[in-house]
């Protein structure tokens, strides 16, 4: 992979369009764009995993209801 590539900017109304070469493509459809002095910085939006999101949730204080209490007892089955 090359470290740099010269690209051309085009216009769409008031917007400038930058085509990102395939060797620089991000593995996501969303990026964060910000400018620092004369530099334009593009960073991928990294979505947290489901486990990371679940870890942020508060602990449940209540017990789960016993959903089996009204069911008939299981019968032994011989195979």
Protein backbone atom coordinates (compact mmCIF):
# COMPACT_ATOMS: atom_id res chain seq x y z
CA UNK A 1 0.00 0.00 0.00
CA UNK A 2 1.27 3.46 -0.88
CA UNK A 3 1.50 6.15 1.80
CA UNK A 4 0.13 8.90 -0.41
CA UNK A 5 -1.77 9.45 -3.60
CA UNK A 6 -2.52 12.58 -5.61
CA UNK A 7 -6.26 12.92 -6.25
CA UNK A 8 -8.45 15.48 -7.99
CA UNK A 9 -11.30 17.34 -6.36
CA UNK A 10 -14.54 17.99 -8.22
CA UNK A 11 -17.62 20.07 -7.42
CA UNK A 12 -21.28 19.29 -6.84
CA UNK A 13 -23.01 22.61 -6.28
CA UNK A 14 -21.41 24.15 -3.18
CA UNK A 15 -19.78 20.86 -2.14
CA UNK A 16 -16.33 19.58 -3.06
CA UNK A 17 -16.09 15.90 -3.87
CA UNK A 18 -13.05 13.78 -3.01
CA UNK A 19 -12.78 10.29 -4.48
CA UNK A 20 -10.84 8.05 -2.14
CA UNK A 21 -8.59 5.53 -3.95
CA UNK A 22 -9.24 1.88 -3.13
CA UNK A 23 -6.02 1.48 -1.13
CA UNK A 24 -7.27 4.17 1.28
CA UNK A 25 -10.89 3.04 1.59
CA UNK A 26 -12.45 2.71 5.04
CA UNK A 27 -14.24 -0.45 6.19
CA UNK A 28 -17.32 1.66 7.06
CA UNK A 29 -19.83 3.96 5.40
CA UNK A 30 -19.51 6.71 8.02
CA UNK A 31 -16.53 8.92 8.75
CA UNK A 32 -15.81 11.91 10.96
CA UNK A 33 -14.38 14.87 9.08
CA UNK A 34 -12.55 17.73 10.78
CA UNK A 35 -10.06 20.38 9.87
CA UNK A 36 -6.88 21.23 11.77
CA UNK A 37 -5.18 24.32 10.35
CA UNK A 38 -4.63 23.50 6.66
CA UNK A 39 -5.16 19.73 7.12
CA UNK A 40 -8.38 17.85 6.50
CA UNK A 41 -8.63 14.79 8.74
CA UNK A 42 -10.93 11.85 7.90
CA UNK A 43 -11.48 9.20 10.57
CA UNK A 44 -13.70 6.12 10.37
CA UNK A 45 -16.65 5.93 12.75
CA UNK A 46 -16.03 2.81 14.80
CA UNK A 47 -19.26 1.42 16.17
CA UNK A 48 -18.95 -0.40 19.49
CA UNK A 49 -19.62 -4.12 19.60
CA UNK A 50 -22.82 -5.44 21.15
CA UNK A 51 -20.84 -6.70 24.16
CA UNK A 52 -19.35 -3.23 24.70
CA UNK A 53 -22.82 -1.68 24.63
CA UNK A 54 -24.23 -4.30 27.01
CA UNK A 55 -21.40 -3.62 29.47
CA UNK A 56 -22.54 0.00 29.76
CA UNK A 57 -26.08 -0.95 30.82
CA UNK A 58 -26.92 -0.89 34.55
CA UNK A 59 -27.32 -4.18 36.42
CA UNK A 60 -30.88 -5.45 36.84
CA UNK A 61 -31.95 -5.41 40.48
CA UNK A 62 -35.10 -7.51 40.16
CA UNK A 63 -35.29 -11.27 39.76
CA UNK A 64 -36.68 -12.78 36.61
CA UNK A 65 -40.12 -14.32 37.04
CA UNK A 66 -40.42 -18.09 37.18
CA UNK A 67 -42.10 -18.74 33.84
CA UNK A 68 -42.21 -22.51 34.41
CA UNK A 69 -44.22 -22.48 37.63
CA UNK A 70 -47.60 -23.09 35.93
CA UNK A 71 -46.35 -25.84 33.62
CA UNK A 72 -46.92 -29.51 34.26
CA UNK A 73 -43.90 -31.47 35.43
CA UNK A 74 -41.81 -33.03 32.68
CA UNK A 75 -42.33 -36.71 31.97
CA UNK A 76 -39.40 -39.07 31.68
CA UNK A 77 -38.91 -40.30 28.12
CA UNK A 78 -36.96 -43.43 27.29
CA UNK A 79 -35.07 -43.43 24.03
